[in-house]
C-alpha atoms as a PDB file:
ATOM      1  CA  MET A   1      16.967 -24.990 -41.317  1.00  0.00           C
ATOM      2  CA  LYS A   2      20.577 -24.079 -40.383  1.00  0.00           C
ATOM      3  CA  LYS A   3      21.840 -27.037 -42.427  1.00  0.00           C
ATOM      4  CA  LEU A   4      19.692 -25.984 -45.368  1.00  0.00           C
ATOM      5  CA  LEU A   5      20.912 -22.381 -45.256  1.00  0.00           C
ATOM      6  CA  SER A   6      24.492 -23.592 -45.016  1.00  0.00           C
ATOM      7  CA  SER A   7      24.035 -25.772 -48.111  1.00  0.00           C
ATOM      8  CA  VAL A   8      22.450 -22.903 -50.022  1.00  0.00           C
ATOM      9  CA  ALA A   9      25.205 -20.506 -49.036  1.00  0.00           C
ATOM     10  CA  MET A  10      27.922 -22.942 -50.066  1.00  0.00           C
ATOM     11  CA  ALA A  11      26.298 -23.622 -53.442  1.00  0.00           C
ATOM     12  CA  ALA A  12      25.656 -19.946 -54.145  1.00  0.00           C
ATOM     13  CA  THR A  13      29.155 -18.821 -53.127  1.00  0.00           C
ATOM     14  CA  LEU A  14      30.975 -21.436 -55.146  1.00  0.00           C
ATOM     15  CA  ALA A  15      28.625 -21.084 -58.112  1.00  0.00           C
ATOM     16  CA  VAL A  16      29.019 -17.303 -58.342  1.00  0.00           C
ATOM     17  CA  ALA A  17      32.756 -17.556 -57.848  1.00  0.00           C
ATOM     18  CA  THR A  18      33.160 -19.988 -60.756  1.00  0.00           C
ATOM     19  CA  PRO A  19      30.919 -18.858 -63.629  1.00  0.00           C
ATOM     20  CA  ALA A  20      32.818 -20.713 -66.358  1.00  0.00           C
ATOM     21  CA  MET A  21      31.674 -24.307 -65.770  1.00  0.00           C
ATOM     22  CA  ALA A  22      30.758 -25.840 -69.121  1.00  0.00           C
ATOM     23  CA  SER A  23      28.945 -28.921 -67.829  1.00  0.00           C
ATOM     24  CA  ASP A  24      25.813 -30.296 -69.483  1.00  0.00           C
ATOM     25  CA  ILE A  25      22.957 -31.010 -67.072  1.00  0.00           C
ATOM     26  CA  ILE A  26      19.509 -32.303 -67.967  1.00  0.00           C
ATOM     27  CA  VAL A  27      16.481 -31.958 -65.696  1.00  0.00           C
ATOM     28  CA  VAL A  28      13.553 -34.342 -66.253  1.00  0.00           C
ATOM     29  CA  ALA A  29      10.465 -33.549 -64.182  1.00  0.00           C
ATOM     30  CA  HIS A  30       6.962 -34.973 -64.084  1.00  0.00           C
ATOM     31  CA  GLY A  31       5.351 -31.517 -63.922  1.00  0.00           C
ATOM     32  CA  GLN A  32       5.011 -29.159 -66.845  1.00  0.00           C
ATOM     33  CA  ALA A  33       6.779 -25.788 -66.871  1.00  0.00           C
ATOM     34  CA  ASN A  34       3.457 -24.011 -67.537  1.00  0.00           C
ATOM     35  CA  ASP A  35       2.147 -25.285 -64.197  1.00  0.00           C
ATOM     36  CA  PRO A  36       2.566 -22.384 -61.711  1.00  0.00           C
ATOM     37  CA  PHE A  37       4.389 -24.652 -59.265  1.00  0.00           C
ATOM     38  CA  TRP A  38       6.772 -26.103 -61.827  1.00  0.00           C
ATOM     39  CA  SER A  39       7.439 -22.731 -63.440  1.00  0.00           C
ATOM     40  CA  VAL A  40       9.123 -21.779 -60.142  1.00  0.00           C
ATOM     41  CA  VAL A  41      11.176 -24.994 -60.226  1.00  0.00           C
ATOM     42  CA  LYS A  42      12.219 -24.153 -63.783  1.00  0.00           C
ATOM     43  CA  ASN A  43      13.145 -20.623 -62.681  1.00  0.00           C
ATOM     44  CA  GLY A  44      15.482 -22.182 -60.114  1.00  0.00           C
ATOM     45  CA  VAL A  45      16.976 -24.477 -62.763  1.00  0.00           C
ATOM     46  CA  GLN A  46      17.605 -21.575 -65.128  1.00  0.00           C
ATOM     47  CA  LYS A  47      19.095 -19.385 -62.398  1.00  0.00           C
ATOM     48  CA  ALA A  48      21.506 -22.144 -61.395  1.00  0.00           C
ATOM     49  CA  GLY A  49      22.527 -22.537 -65.021  1.00  0.00           C
ATOM     50  CA  GLU A  50      23.215 -18.800 -65.257  1.00  0.00           C
ATOM     51  CA  ASP A  51      25.181 -18.747 -61.995  1.00  0.00           C
ATOM     52  CA  THR A  52      27.335 -21.788 -62.779  1.00  0.00           C
ATOM     53  CA  GLY A  53      27.683 -21.443 -66.542  1.00  0.00           C
ATOM     54  CA  ALA A  54      26.275 -24.939 -67.005  1.00  0.00           C
ATOM     55  CA  ASN A  55      24.257 -25.838 -70.082  1.00  0.00           C
ATOM     56  CA  VAL A  56      20.911 -26.849 -68.611  1.00  0.00           C
ATOM     57  CA  GLU A  57      17.777 -28.280 -70.221  1.00  0.00           C
ATOM     58  CA  PHE A  58      14.411 -28.684 -68.488  1.00  0.00           C
ATOM     59  CA  ARG A  59      12.226 -31.444 -69.938  1.00  0.00           C
ATOM     60  CA  SER A  60       8.841 -32.848 -68.969  1.00  0.00           C
ATOM     61  CA  PRO A  61       6.018 -34.835 -70.593  1.00  0.00           C
ATOM     62  CA  GLU A  62       3.041 -32.908 -71.928  1.00  0.00           C
ATOM     63  CA  THR A  63       0.821 -34.473 -69.249  1.00  0.00           C
ATOM     64  CA  PHE A  64       1.384 -36.561 -66.124  1.00  0.00           C
ATOM     65  CA  ASP A  65       2.650 -39.598 -68.052  1.00  0.00           C
ATOM     66  CA  MET A  66       5.154 -41.985 -66.484  1.00  0.00           C
ATOM     67  CA  VAL A  67       5.836 -43.879 -69.714  1.00  0.00           C
ATOM     68  CA  ALA A  68       6.690 -40.637 -71.499  1.00  0.00           C
ATOM     69  CA  MET A  69       8.790 -39.474 -68.555  1.00  0.00           C
ATOM     70  CA  GLY A  70      10.756 -42.723 -68.536  1.00  0.00           C
ATOM     71  CA  GLN A  71      11.448 -42.224 -72.243  1.00  0.00           C
ATOM     72  CA  LEU A  72      12.686 -38.694 -71.556  1.00  0.00           C
ATOM     73  CA  ILE A  73      15.095 -40.051 -68.928  1.00  0.00           C
ATOM     74  CA  ASP A  74      16.374 -42.699 -71.366  1.00  0.00           C
ATOM     75  CA  ALA A  75      16.855 -40.031 -74.040  1.00  0.00           C
ATOM     76  CA  ALA A  76      18.813 -37.926 -71.559  1.00  0.00           C
ATOM     77  CA  VAL A  77      21.042 -40.891 -70.678  1.00  0.00           C
ATOM     78  CA  ASN A  78      21.825 -41.400 -74.376  1.00  0.00           C
ATOM     79  CA  GLN A  79      23.172 -37.832 -74.479  1.00  0.00           C
ATOM     80  CA  GLU A  80      25.719 -38.669 -71.739  1.00  0.00           C
ATOM     81  CA  PRO A  81      25.308 -35.451 -69.723  1.00  0.00           C
ATOM     82  CA  ASP A  82      27.539 -34.489 -66.810  1.00  0.00           C
ATOM     83  CA  GLY A  83      24.555 -34.745 -64.496  1.00  0.00           C
ATOM     84  CA  LEU A  84      20.883 -35.663 -64.423  1.00  0.00           C
ATOM     85  CA  VAL A  85      18.149 -34.289 -62.169  1.00  0.00           C
ATOM     86  CA  VAL A  86      14.894 -36.229 -61.867  1.00  0.00           C
ATOM     87  CA  SER A  87      11.688 -36.133 -59.883  1.00  0.00           C
ATOM     88  CA  ILE A  88      10.393 -39.571 -58.853  1.00  0.00           C
ATOM     89  CA  PRO A  89       6.601 -39.575 -58.452  1.00  0.00           C
ATOM     90  CA  ASP A  90       6.418 -43.308 -59.281  1.00  0.00           C
ATOM     91  CA  ALA A  91       9.478 -45.407 -58.491  1.00  0.00           C
ATOM     92  CA  ASP A  92       8.029 -48.574 -60.042  1.00  0.00           C
ATOM     93  CA  ALA A  93       7.579 -46.846 -63.385  1.00  0.00           C
ATOM     94  CA  LEU A  94      10.716 -44.692 -63.420  1.00  0.00           C
ATOM     95  CA  GLY A  95      13.135 -46.837 -61.416  1.00  0.00           C
ATOM     96  CA  PRO A  96      14.536 -48.845 -64.348  1.00  0.00           C
ATOM     97  CA  ALA A  97      15.314 -45.701 -66.372  1.00  0.00           C
ATOM     98  CA  ILE A  98      16.992 -44.044 -63.380  1.00  0.00           C
ATOM     99  CA  GLU A  99      19.016 -47.173 -62.668  1.00  0.00           C
ATOM    100  CA  ARG A 100      20.178 -47.200 -66.303  1.00  0.00           C
ATOM    101  CA  ALA A 101      21.430 -43.641 -65.825  1.00  0.00           C
ATOM    102  CA  VAL A 102      23.332 -44.635 -62.696  1.00  0.00           C
ATOM    103  CA  ALA A 103      24.783 -47.711 -64.421  1.00  0.00           C
ATOM    104  CA  ALA A 104      25.987 -45.464 -67.240  1.00  0.00           C
ATOM    105  CA  GLY A 105      28.042 -43.495 -64.703  1.00  0.00           C
ATOM    106  CA  ILE A 106      25.869 -40.369 -64.802  1.00  0.00           C
ATOM    107  CA  PRO A 107      25.561 -38.585 -61.430  1.00  0.00           C
ATOM    108  CA  VAL A 108      21.854 -38.393 -60.573  1.00  0.00           C
ATOM    109  CA  ILE A 109      20.149 -36.137 -58.023  1.00  0.00           C
ATOM    110  CA  SER A 110      16.421 -36.348 -57.334  1.00  0.00           C
ATOM    111  CA  MET A 111      14.209 -33.448 -56.369  1.00  0.00           C
ATOM    112  CA  ASN A 112      10.652 -32.761 -55.292  1.00  0.00           C
ATOM    113  CA  SER A 113       9.329 -36.330 -55.070  1.00  0.00           C
ATOM    114  CA  GLY A 114      11.052 -39.602 -54.309  1.00  0.00           C
ATOM    115  CA  SER A 115      12.822 -38.934 -51.014  1.00  0.00           C
ATOM    116  CA  ASP A 116      11.840 -42.380 -49.724  1.00  0.00           C
ATOM    117  CA  VAL A 117      13.119 -44.344 -52.750  1.00  0.00           C
ATOM    118  CA  ALA A 118      15.998 -42.293 -54.166  1.00  0.00           C
ATOM    119  CA  LYS A 119      18.867 -43.994 -52.333  1.00  0.00           C
ATOM    120  CA  GLY A 120      17.665 -47.434 -53.350  1.00  0.00           C
ATOM    121  CA  LEU A 121      17.868 -46.427 -57.002  1.00  0.00           C
ATOM    122  CA  GLY A 122      21.449 -45.195 -56.698  1.00  0.00           C
ATOM    123  CA  VAL A 123      20.597 -41.492 -56.581  1.00  0.00           C
ATOM    124  CA  LEU A 124      23.291 -39.394 -54.871  1.00  0.00           C
ATOM    125  CA  LEU A 125      20.942 -37.221 -52.807  1.00  0.00           C
ATOM    126  CA  HIS A 126      17.458 -35.746 -52.727  1.00  0.00           C
ATOM    127  CA  VAL A 127      16.395 -32.093 -52.503  1.00  0.00           C
ATOM    128  CA  GLY A 128      12.834 -31.787 -51.248  1.00  0.00           C
ATOM    129  CA  GLN A 129      10.600 -32.601 -48.344  1.00  0.00           C
ATOM    130  CA  SER A 130       9.140 -35.727 -46.789  1.00  0.00           C
ATOM    131  CA  GLU A 131       5.648 -35.667 -48.269  1.00  0.00           C
ATOM    132  CA  TYR A 132       4.156 -37.885 -45.565  1.00  0.00           C
ATOM    133  CA  ASP A 133       5.681 -35.825 -42.757  1.00  0.00           C
ATOM    134  CA  ALA A 134       4.538 -32.583 -44.370  1.00  0.00           C
ATOM    135  CA  GLY A 135       0.989 -33.917 -44.670  1.00  0.00           C
ATOM    136  CA  LYS A 136       1.065 -35.104 -41.085  1.00  0.00           C
ATOM    137  CA  ALA A 137       2.248 -31.700 -39.858  1.00  0.00           C
ATOM    138  CA  ALA A 138      -0.595 -30.056 -41.768  1.00  0.00           C
ATOM    139  CA  GLY A 139      -3.112 -32.484 -40.300  1.00  0.00           C
ATOM    140  CA  GLU A 140      -1.924 -31.901 -36.751  1.00  0.00           C
ATOM    141  CA  LYS A 141      -2.060 -28.136 -37.220  1.00  0.00           C
ATOM    142  CA  LEU A 142      -5.564 -28.198 -38.698  1.00  0.00           C
ATOM    143  CA  ALA A 143      -6.808 -30.457 -35.893  1.00  0.00           C
ATOM    144  CA  SER A 144      -5.338 -28.067 -33.321  1.00  0.00           C
ATOM    145  CA  MET A 145      -7.260 -25.248 -35.016  1.00  0.00           C
ATOM    146  CA  GLY A 146     -10.539 -27.068 -34.431  1.00  0.00           C
ATOM    147  CA  GLY A 147     -11.042 -29.155 -37.559  1.00  0.00           C
ATOM    148  CA  THR A 148     -13.185 -32.258 -37.081  1.00  0.00           C
ATOM    149  CA  LYS A 149     -13.913 -33.719 -40.546  1.00  0.00           C
ATOM    150  CA  GLY A 150     -11.719 -33.233 -43.577  1.00  0.00           C
ATOM    151  CA  ILE A 151     -11.232 -33.774 -47.276  1.00  0.00           C
ATOM    152  CA  CYS A 152      -7.917 -34.066 -49.130  1.00  0.00           C
ATOM    153  CA  VAL A 153      -8.204 -32.855 -52.733  1.00  0.00           C
ATOM    154  CA  ASN A 154      -5.803 -34.697 -55.069  1.00  0.00           C
ATOM    155  CA  GLN A 155      -5.382 -33.092 -58.489  1.00  0.00           C
ATOM    156  CA  GLU A 156      -2.831 -35.617 -59.824  1.00  0.00           C
ATOM    157  CA  VAL A 157      -4.067 -39.119 -59.109  1.00  0.00           C
ATOM    158  CA  GLY A 158      -1.271 -41.661 -59.511  1.00  0.00           C
ATOM    159  CA  ASN A 159       1.439 -39.384 -58.131  1.00  0.00           C
ATOM    160  CA  VAL A 160       2.738 -41.327 -55.134  1.00  0.00           C
ATOM    161  CA  ALA A 161       4.016 -38.129 -53.505  1.00  0.00           C
ATOM    162  CA  LEU A 162       0.496 -36.676 -53.442  1.00  0.00           C
ATOM    163  CA  ASP A 163      -0.920 -39.918 -52.059  1.00  0.00           C
ATOM    164  CA  LEU A 164       1.623 -39.672 -49.240  1.00  0.00           C
ATOM    165  CA  ARG A 165       0.493 -36.119 -48.474  1.00  0.00           C
ATOM    166  CA  CYS A 166      -3.104 -37.275 -48.059  1.00  0.00           C
ATOM    167  CA  GLU A 167      -1.994 -40.270 -45.995  1.00  0.00           C
ATOM    168  CA  GLY A 168       0.062 -38.081 -43.689  1.00  0.00           C
ATOM    169  CA  PHE A 169      -2.795 -35.593 -43.398  1.00  0.00           C
ATOM    170  CA  ALA A 170      -5.213 -38.333 -42.357  1.00  0.00           C
ATOM    171  CA  ASP A 171      -2.804 -39.654 -39.726  1.00  0.00           C
ATOM    172  CA  GLY A 172      -1.991 -36.222 -38.332  1.00  0.00           C
ATOM    173  CA  PHE A 173      -5.613 -35.069 -38.369  1.00  0.00           C
ATOM    174  CA  ALA A 174      -6.626 -38.297 -36.581  1.00  0.00           C
ATOM    175  CA  GLN A 175     -10.265 -37.831 -37.570  1.00  0.00           C
ATOM    176  CA  GLU A 176     -12.350 -38.684 -40.615  1.00  0.00           C
ATOM    177  CA  VAL A 177     -10.732 -37.716 -43.925  1.00  0.00           C
ATOM    178  CA  ASN A 178     -12.011 -38.454 -47.434  1.00  0.00           C
ATOM    179  CA  VAL A 179      -9.877 -38.086 -50.563  1.00  0.00           C
ATOM    180  CA  ILE A 180     -11.483 -36.169 -53.444  1.00  0.00           C
ATOM    181  CA  PRO A 181      -9.806 -37.002 -56.799  1.00  0.00           C
ATOM    182  CA  THR A 182      -9.852 -34.325 -59.515  1.00  0.00           C
ATOM    183  CA  GLN A 183      -8.046 -33.306 -62.659  1.00  0.00           C
ATOM    184  CA  ALA A 184      -5.588 -30.399 -62.660  1.00  0.00           C
ATOM    185  CA  ASP A 185      -8.418 -28.055 -63.592  1.00  0.00           C
ATOM    186  CA  PRO A 186      -9.364 -25.268 -61.150  1.00  0.00           C
ATOM    187  CA  ALA A 187     -12.946 -25.177 -62.441  1.00  0.00           C
ATOM    188  CA  GLU A 188     -13.399 -28.894 -61.787  1.00  0.00           C
ATOM    189  CA  VAL A 189     -11.747 -28.571 -58.373  1.00  0.00           C
ATOM    190  CA  GLU A 190     -14.083 -25.757 -57.361  1.00  0.00           C
ATOM    191  CA  SER A 191     -17.100 -27.755 -58.522  1.00  0.00           C
ATOM    192  CA  LYS A 192     -16.086 -30.916 -56.672  1.00  0.00           C
ATOM    193  CA  VAL A 193     -15.162 -29.087 -53.461  1.00  0.00           C
ATOM    194  CA  ARG A 194     -18.429 -27.183 -53.539  1.00  0.00           C
ATOM    195  CA  ALA A 195     -20.336 -30.446 -54.037  1.00  0.00           C
ATOM    196  CA  ALA A 196     -18.479 -32.061 -51.118  1.00  0.00           C
ATOM    197  CA  LEU A 197     -19.259 -29.140 -48.799  1.00  0.00           C
ATOM    198  CA  ASP A 198     -22.845 -28.904 -49.993  1.00  0.00           C
ATOM    199  CA  SER A 199     -23.543 -32.607 -49.518  1.00  0.00           C
ATOM    200  CA  ASP A 200     -21.939 -32.861 -46.070  1.00  0.00           C
ATOM    201  CA  PRO A 201     -22.174 -29.812 -43.780  1.00  0.00           C
ATOM    202  CA  ASP A 202     -19.940 -31.605 -41.245  1.00  0.00           C
ATOM    203  CA  VAL A 203     -16.902 -31.173 -43.498  1.00  0.00           C
ATOM    204  CA  ASP A 204     -15.040 -28.252 -41.954  1.00  0.00           C
ATOM    205  CA  THR A 205     -11.451 -28.836 -43.133  1.00  0.00           C
ATOM    206  CA  ILE A 206      -9.892 -28.916 -46.599  1.00  0.00           C
ATOM    207  CA  LEU A 207      -6.310 -29.761 -47.531  1.00  0.00           C
ATOM    208  CA  GLY A 208      -5.319 -28.935 -51.110  1.00  0.00           C
ATOM    209  CA  LEU A 209      -2.208 -30.379 -52.694  1.00  0.00           C
ATOM    210  CA  GLY A 210      -1.447 -27.373 -54.899  1.00  0.00           C
ATOM    211  CA  ALA A 211      -2.085 -23.700 -54.157  1.00  0.00           C
ATOM    212  CA  SER A 212      -3.204 -22.342 -57.523  1.00  0.00           C
ATOM    213  CA  LEU A 213      -4.840 -25.488 -58.855  1.00  0.00           C
ATOM    214  CA  VAL A 214      -6.607 -26.530 -55.632  1.00  0.00           C
ATOM    215  CA  GLY A 215      -6.148 -24.045 -52.790  1.00  0.00           C
ATOM    216  CA  GLU A 216      -7.555 -21.022 -54.608  1.00  0.00           C
ATOM    217  CA  PRO A 217     -10.616 -22.797 -56.088  1.00  0.00           C
ATOM    218  CA  ALA A 218     -11.273 -24.454 -52.704  1.00  0.00           C
ATOM    219  CA  VAL A 219     -11.495 -21.013 -51.102  1.00  0.00           C
ATOM    220  CA  ALA A 220     -13.797 -19.885 -53.918  1.00  0.00           C
ATOM    221  CA  ALA A 221     -16.066 -22.884 -53.318  1.00  0.00           C
ATOM    222  CA  ALA A 222     -16.294 -22.258 -49.584  1.00  0.00           C
ATOM    223  CA  GLN A 223     -16.928 -18.544 -50.090  1.00  0.00           C
ATOM    224  CA  ALA A 224     -19.678 -19.237 -52.641  1.00  0.00           C
ATOM    225  CA  LEU A 225     -21.500 -21.315 -50.034  1.00  0.00           C
ATOM    226  CA  GLY A 226     -20.935 -18.799 -47.261  1.00  0.00           C
ATOM    227  CA  ARG A 227     -18.841 -21.349 -45.366  1.00  0.00           C
ATOM    228  CA  ASP A 228     -16.475 -19.011 -43.545  1.00  0.00           C
ATOM    229  CA  ASP A 229     -16.105 -21.696 -40.878  1.00  0.00           C
ATOM    230  CA  VAL A 230     -14.137 -24.038 -43.160  1.00  0.00           C
ATOM    231  CA  LEU A 231     -10.413 -24.360 -42.464  1.00  0.00           C
ATOM    232  CA  ILE A 232      -8.514 -24.414 -45.759  1.00  0.00           C
ATOM    233  CA  ALA A 233      -4.817 -25.154 -46.127  1.00  0.00           C
ATOM    234  CA  SER A 234      -2.791 -25.999 -49.209  1.00  0.00           C
ATOM    235  CA  PHE A 235       0.579 -27.317 -50.182  1.00  0.00           C
ATOM    236  CA  ASP A 236       2.770 -24.864 -52.068  1.00  0.00           C
ATOM    237  CA  LEU A 237       2.380 -21.157 -52.698  1.00  0.00           C
ATOM    238  CA  SER A 238       0.679 -18.804 -55.098  1.00  0.00           C
ATOM    239  CA  ALA A 239       0.166 -15.069 -54.786  1.00  0.00           C
ATOM    240  CA  GLY A 240      -3.605 -15.605 -54.812  1.00  0.00           C
ATOM    241  CA  PHE A 241      -3.642 -18.244 -52.095  1.00  0.00           C
ATOM    242  CA  LEU A 242      -1.213 -16.293 -49.932  1.00  0.00           C
ATOM    243  CA  LYS A 243      -3.562 -13.326 -50.190  1.00  0.00           C
ATOM    244  CA  HIS A 244      -6.357 -15.556 -48.887  1.00  0.00           C
ATOM    245  CA  VAL A 245      -4.109 -16.587 -45.985  1.00  0.00           C
ATOM    246  CA  SER A 246      -3.100 -13.006 -45.187  1.00  0.00           C
ATOM    247  CA  GLU A 247      -6.758 -11.917 -45.162  1.00  0.00           C
ATOM    248  CA  GLY A 248      -7.967 -14.855 -43.083  1.00  0.00           C
ATOM    249  CA  ARG A 249      -9.887 -16.793 -45.731  1.00  0.00           C
ATOM    250  CA  ALA A 250      -7.385 -19.651 -45.573  1.00  0.00           C
ATOM    251  CA  ALA A 251      -5.450 -21.092 -42.650  1.00  0.00           C
ATOM    252  CA  PHE A 252      -1.930 -21.573 -44.014  1.00  0.00           C
ATOM    253  CA  ALA A 253       0.204 -22.684 -46.950  1.00  0.00           C
ATOM    254  CA  ILE A 254       2.850 -25.402 -46.842  1.00  0.00           C
ATOM    255  CA  ASP A 255       6.012 -24.155 -48.505  1.00  0.00           C
ATOM    256  CA  GLN A 256       8.552 -26.662 -49.830  1.00  0.00           C
ATOM    257  CA  GLN A 257      10.639 -23.929 -51.504  1.00  0.00           C
ATOM    258  CA  GLN A 258      10.544 -25.406 -54.987  1.00  0.00           C
ATOM    259  CA  PHE A 259      12.927 -22.754 -56.325  1.00  0.00           C
ATOM    260  CA  LEU A 260      15.608 -24.489 -54.258  1.00  0.00           C
ATOM    261  CA  GLN A 261      14.499 -27.852 -55.656  1.00  0.00           C
ATOM    262  CA  GLY A 262      15.368 -26.583 -59.114  1.00  0.00           C
ATOM    263  CA  TYR A 263      18.423 -24.547 -58.189  1.00  0.00           C
ATOM    264  CA  LEU A 264      20.390 -26.731 -55.785  1.00  0.00           C
ATOM    265  CA  PRO A 265      20.599 -29.992 -57.791  1.00  0.00           C
ATOM    266  CA  VAL A 266      21.903 -28.116 -60.829  1.00  0.00           C
ATOM    267  CA  ALA A 267      24.415 -26.182 -58.711  1.00  0.00           C
ATOM    268  CA  PHE A 268      25.561 -29.372 -56.958  1.00  0.00           C
ATOM    269  CA  LEU A 269      25.991 -31.269 -60.237  1.00  0.00           C
ATOM    270  CA  ALA A 270      27.903 -28.374 -61.817  1.00  0.00           C
ATOM    271  CA  LEU A 271      30.227 -28.246 -58.813  1.00  0.00           C
ATOM    272  CA  ASN A 272      30.613 -32.013 -58.994  1.00  0.00           C
ATOM    273  CA  ALA A 273      31.539 -31.894 -62.676  1.00  0.00           C
ATOM    274  CA  GLU A 274      34.113 -29.136 -62.075  1.00  0.00           C
ATOM    275  CA  TYR A 275      35.557 -30.029 -58.676  1.00  0.00           C
ATOM    276  CA  GLY A 276      34.170 -33.395 -57.594  1.00  0.00           C
ATOM    277  CA  LEU A 277      32.206 -31.710 -54.797  1.00  0.00           C
ATOM    278  CA  MET A 278      28.933 -33.186 -53.543  1.00  0.00           C
ATOM    279  CA  PRO A 279      27.006 -32.792 -50.261  1.00  0.00           C
ATOM    280  CA  GLY A 280      27.017 -35.859 -48.057  1.00  0.00           C
ATOM    281  CA  GLY A 281      23.263 -36.160 -47.620  1.00  0.00           C
ATOM    282  CA  ASP A 282      19.790 -35.053 -48.564  1.00  0.00           C
ATOM    283  CA  VAL A 283      18.751 -31.398 -48.385  1.00  0.00           C
ATOM    284  CA  PRO A 284      15.323 -30.778 -46.782  1.00  0.00           C
ATOM    285  CA  SER A 285      13.781 -27.808 -48.577  1.00  0.00           C
ATOM    286  CA  GLY A 286      10.596 -27.991 -46.481  1.00  0.00           C
ATOM    287  CA  PRO A 287       8.052 -28.126 -45.067  1.00  0.00           C
ATOM    288  CA  ASN A 288       7.475 -24.624 -43.732  1.00  0.00           C
ATOM    289  CA  LEU A 289       3.993 -23.512 -42.689  1.00  0.00           C
ATOM    290  CA  VAL A 290       3.228 -19.987 -43.931  1.00  0.00           C
ATOM    291  CA  THR A 291       0.522 -18.586 -41.671  1.00  0.00           C
ATOM    292  CA  GLN A 292      -1.321 -15.256 -41.663  1.00  0.00           C
ATOM    293  CA  ASP A 293       1.437 -13.271 -39.956  1.00  0.00           C
ATOM    294  CA  ALA A 294       4.030 -14.226 -42.605  1.00  0.00           C
ATOM    295  CA  ALA A 295       1.910 -14.552 -45.748  1.00  0.00           C
ATOM    296  CA  GLY A 296       2.075 -10.898 -46.735  1.00  0.00           C
ATOM    297  CA  GLN A 297       5.868 -10.959 -46.771  1.00  0.00           C
ATOM    298  CA  VAL A 298       5.939 -13.891 -49.193  1.00  0.00           C
ATOM    299  CA  ILE A 299       3.354 -12.658 -51.719  1.00  0.00           C
ATOM    300  CA  GLU A 300       5.772 -10.461 -53.684  1.00  0.00           C
ATOM    301  CA  LEU A 301       8.360 -13.240 -54.045  1.00  0.00           C
ATOM    302  CA  SER A 302       5.627 -15.637 -55.130  1.00  0.00           C
ATOM    303  CA  ALA A 303       4.496 -13.199 -57.796  1.00  0.00           C
ATOM    304  CA  GLN A 304       8.121 -13.014 -58.998  1.00  0.00           C
ATOM    305  CA  GLY A 305       8.273 -16.799 -59.414  1.00  0.00           C
ATOM    306  CA  ILE A 306      10.709 -17.400 -56.564  1.00  0.00           C
ATOM    307  CA  ARG A 307       8.438 -18.633 -53.735  1.00  0.00           C
END
C-alpha cells in the first residue's frame, strides 16, 4: 500500500505541476463506459487527461468482443499515439495486436486484466490486481466466516480475468464451489442465483464478480427467499452493494480501485512522453476488502464515480 500511495503521489504531483503536456494517448478497454464499473475507469482516464493536458480517447467494443477489441487496438496503432493503454482479458486473442503496437515503438501499459501476461507481450507495466490472488483472499475470508458450500457467479464468460477470480475463490474457500454463468443482466443474475439457492439449500456462500451487475441482484435473490444466512461478497463497488455491506446484508466488497486503473496509466504515459519517466514495475491497485465497518465511508465516493 505504501508503494501504491507513493506512485499515486508522484504521478499526481508531477501531473498537476505540468499541465501543458500535449501527448496523444488512447485507451482501449474490453468493458463499456456505460457499465458502472467501467464508467469509474473512464472517469479516471478523463481526470488524468485534464491533469496532464494530454489528449485522451477511451474506446471499447459495444459488447464483450475480442475480435472487435483487437481491431480497435490496431486502429489505435495506425494513429501513432504517444501511448496506448489496454486491458487484456484474453491474451491469445489480443496478444498479436498488442505486440504490433510494441513493435511500432508505442509505449503500452496494461490495466485491469492481464497482469500475468503483460510482460510477455512487451507491455511496460500493469496497473491492477492479481485476479487469482484476490479471489483466493475472498475465498479464505468467506470460509473463515463459516461458509461451507459456494457459488461463483460469472457475468462475462470468456473473460480470463473473471475465470481466475472463480479459480482463486475455489482454492481459497477449499470447499465445494460451482460456477454459475450468466449474461451481464441483473434480472438474469437474480433469477439464476435464486434458482441455485432454491434448488440447493446447502449453498450458503455467493461470490459475485461485479457489484452492481451481480452483487446487488444476488442480495435481492437471497432476501426474496428469506435466506439471511447466506454470505454474499462481490468484486468491485457500487453504492447499492456497499449499502448492503454496511447494513449487514452482504459480507464485504473487494475493491481494486478502478479509478486508479484509468488514471495512473494515462498519467504515466503523459510523463513518459514529456520527460521519459516511467515507474520500474507494476502498480497493485488492489485487492482491498471493504467490510461493514468501512463500507459507509466509501458509499459517497462510489456514488461520485470515484470508488
